[in-house]
């Protein structure tokens, strides 16, 4: 999945879509509109979808990071360990 366009709250360009949802889901959405004091179902769904996209992007980054570290050669792991030690010492000095 690619998420190339960041979500901006209040983003002005909107497009109309139609969704078919289970009745009980729609009732819950209507309750959330009231509970969270949003203006409409559309505003609620826009926020929910935006949050979902952020979560998916974070999951993708975590998976790519995991794949990177698992694919390192022993030499790369040793070099990475050295850099981690340097960064740790430097961070420690910031808090002294």
C-alpha atoms as a PDB file:
ATOM      1  CA  UNK A   1       0.000   0.000   0.000  1.00  0.00           C
ATOM      2  CA  UNK A   2       1.228   3.449  -0.861  1.00  0.00           C
ATOM      3  CA  UNK A   3       0.099   6.535   1.017  1.00  0.00           C
ATOM      4  CA  UNK A   4       1.640   9.349  -0.976  1.00  0.00           C
ATOM      5  CA  UNK A   5      -0.817  12.091  -0.109  1.00  0.00           C
ATOM      6  CA  UNK A   6      -0.756  13.172   3.504  1.00  0.00           C
ATOM      7  CA  UNK A   7      -4.059  13.881   5.173  1.00  0.00           C
ATOM      8  CA  UNK A   8      -4.592  17.503   6.120  1.00  0.00           C
ATOM      9  CA  UNK A   9      -7.410  18.308   8.493  1.00  0.00           C
ATOM     10  CA  UNK A  10      -9.796  20.673   6.837  1.00  0.00           C
ATOM     11  CA  UNK A  11      -8.401  19.807   3.408  1.00  0.00           C
ATOM     12  CA  UNK A  12     -10.662  21.763   1.083  1.00  0.00           C
ATOM     13  CA  UNK A  13     -10.961  19.485  -1.950  1.00  0.00           C
ATOM     14  CA  UNK A  14     -13.627  16.904  -1.206  1.00  0.00           C
ATOM     15  CA  UNK A  15     -15.301  14.279  -3.321  1.00  0.00           C
ATOM     16  CA  UNK A  16     -18.648  12.691  -2.682  1.00  0.00           C
ATOM     17  CA  UNK A  17     -18.841   8.925  -2.259  1.00  0.00           C
ATOM     18  CA  UNK A  18     -21.628   6.526  -1.396  1.00  0.00           C
ATOM     19  CA  UNK A  19     -21.229   3.692   1.104  1.00  0.00           C
ATOM     20  CA  UNK A  20     -23.477   0.809   1.989  1.00  0.00           C
ATOM     21  CA  UNK A  21     -23.152  -0.138   5.658  1.00  0.00           C
ATOM     22  CA  UNK A  22     -24.805  -2.586   8.019  1.00  0.00           C
ATOM     23  CA  UNK A  23     -27.630  -0.961   9.997  1.00  0.00           C
ATOM     24  CA  UNK A  24     -26.001  -1.642  13.374  1.00  0.00           C
ATOM     25  CA  UNK A  25     -22.747  -0.080  12.191  1.00  0.00           C
ATOM     26  CA  UNK A  26     -24.589   3.008  11.026  1.00  0.00           C
ATOM     27  CA  UNK A  27     -26.343   3.298  14.415  1.00  0.00           C
ATOM     28  CA  UNK A  28     -22.965   3.165  16.152  1.00  0.00           C
ATOM     29  CA  UNK A  29     -21.578   5.807  13.799  1.00  0.00           C
ATOM     30  CA  UNK A  30     -24.544   8.060  14.561  1.00  0.00           C
ATOM     31  CA  UNK A  31     -23.880   7.640  18.295  1.00  0.00           C
ATOM     32  CA  UNK A  32     -20.245   8.579  17.735  1.00  0.00           C
ATOM     33  CA  UNK A  33     -21.255  11.712  15.803  1.00  0.00           C
ATOM     34  CA  UNK A  34     -23.170  12.838  18.900  1.00  0.00           C
ATOM     35  CA  UNK A  35     -20.572  11.657  21.423  1.00  0.00           C
ATOM     36  CA  UNK A  36     -17.614  13.317  19.691  1.00  0.00           C
ATOM     37  CA  UNK A  37     -19.643  16.368  18.642  1.00  0.00           C
ATOM     38  CA  UNK A  38     -18.690  16.203  14.989  1.00  0.00           C
ATOM     39  CA  UNK A  39     -20.860  17.913  12.404  1.00  0.00           C
ATOM     40  CA  UNK A  40     -21.765  14.888  10.319  1.00  0.00           C
ATOM     41  CA  UNK A  41     -21.206  11.249   9.475  1.00  0.00           C
ATOM     42  CA  UNK A  42     -18.950  12.438   6.675  1.00  0.00           C
ATOM     43  CA  UNK A  43     -16.725  14.375   9.061  1.00  0.00           C
ATOM     44  CA  UNK A  44     -16.542  11.381  11.397  1.00  0.00           C
ATOM     45  CA  UNK A  45     -15.704   8.962   8.588  1.00  0.00           C
ATOM     46  CA  UNK A  46     -13.098  11.325   7.166  1.00  0.00           C
ATOM     47  CA  UNK A  47     -11.374  11.428  10.557  1.00  0.00           C
ATOM     48  CA  UNK A  48     -11.621   7.666  11.058  1.00  0.00           C
ATOM     49  CA  UNK A  49     -10.215   6.966   7.608  1.00  0.00           C
ATOM     50  CA  UNK A  50      -7.422   9.502   8.068  1.00  0.00           C
ATOM     51  CA  UNK A  51      -6.415   7.836  11.342  1.00  0.00           C
ATOM     52  CA  UNK A  52      -6.545   4.426   9.677  1.00  0.00           C
ATOM     53  CA  UNK A  53      -4.226   5.650   6.912  1.00  0.00           C
ATOM     54  CA  UNK A  54      -1.745   6.948   9.500  1.00  0.00           C
ATOM     55  CA  UNK A  55      -1.847   3.596  11.314  1.00  0.00           C
ATOM     56  CA  UNK A  56      -1.266   1.736   8.042  1.00  0.00           C
ATOM     57  CA  UNK A  57       1.670   3.985   7.145  1.00  0.00           C
ATOM     58  CA  UNK A  58       3.226   3.364  10.597  1.00  0.00           C
ATOM     59  CA  UNK A  59       2.754  -0.401  10.208  1.00  0.00           C
ATOM     60  CA  UNK A  60       4.404  -0.257   6.791  1.00  0.00           C
ATOM     61  CA  UNK A  61       7.361   1.680   8.203  1.00  0.00           C
ATOM     62  CA  UNK A  62       7.709  -0.801  11.078  1.00  0.00           C
ATOM     63  CA  UNK A  63       7.658  -3.737   8.668  1.00  0.00           C
ATOM     64  CA  UNK A  64      10.225  -2.114   6.361  1.00  0.00           C
ATOM     65  CA  UNK A  65      12.459  -1.332   9.348  1.00  0.00           C
ATOM     66  CA  UNK A  66      12.177  -4.925  10.567  1.00  0.00           C
ATOM     67  CA  UNK A  67      13.009  -6.257   7.091  1.00  0.00           C
ATOM     68  CA  UNK A  68      16.013  -3.932   6.909  1.00  0.00           C
ATOM     69  CA  UNK A  69      17.484  -5.114  10.185  1.00  0.00           C
ATOM     70  CA  UNK A  70      16.767  -8.792   9.455  1.00  0.00           C
ATOM     71  CA  UNK A  71      18.500  -8.521   6.076  1.00  0.00           C
ATOM     72  CA  UNK A  72      21.735  -7.025   7.441  1.00  0.00           C
ATOM     73  CA  UNK A  73      24.963  -8.919   6.968  1.00  0.00           C
ATOM     74  CA  UNK A  74      27.091  -9.626  10.074  1.00  0.00           C
ATOM     75  CA  UNK A  75      29.404  -6.769   9.047  1.00  0.00           C
ATOM     76  CA  UNK A  76      26.477  -4.356   8.710  1.00  0.00           C
ATOM     77  CA  UNK A  77      25.145  -5.452  12.111  1.00  0.00           C
ATOM     78  CA  UNK A  78      28.528  -4.787  13.688  1.00  0.00           C
ATOM     79  CA  UNK A  79      28.731  -1.340  12.090  1.00  0.00           C
ATOM     80  CA  UNK A  80      25.159  -0.544  13.162  1.00  0.00           C
ATOM     81  CA  UNK A  81      25.978  -1.601  16.711  1.00  0.00           C
ATOM     82  CA  UNK A  82      28.946   0.770  16.734  1.00  0.00           C
ATOM     83  CA  UNK A  83      26.793   3.680  15.577  1.00  0.00           C
ATOM     84  CA  UNK A  84      24.159   2.826  18.200  1.00  0.00           C
ATOM     85  CA  UNK A  85      26.803   2.993  20.945  1.00  0.00           C
ATOM     86  CA  UNK A  86      28.032   6.367  19.693  1.00  0.00           C
ATOM     87  CA  UNK A  87      24.473   7.724  19.552  1.00  0.00           C
ATOM     88  CA  UNK A  88      23.729   6.396  23.027  1.00  0.00           C
ATOM     89  CA  UNK A  89      26.815   8.075  24.514  1.00  0.00           C
ATOM     90  CA  UNK A  90      25.980  11.347  22.743  1.00  0.00           C
ATOM     91  CA  UNK A  91      22.402  11.250  24.029  1.00  0.00           C
ATOM     92  CA  UNK A  92      23.642  10.541  27.539  1.00  0.00           C
ATOM     93  CA  UNK A  93      25.830  13.634  27.425  1.00  0.00           C
ATOM     94  CA  UNK A  94      22.803  15.759  26.525  1.00  0.00           C
ATOM     95  CA  UNK A  95      21.140  14.792  29.814  1.00  0.00           C
ATOM     96  CA  UNK A  96      24.180  15.323  32.053  1.00  0.00           C
END
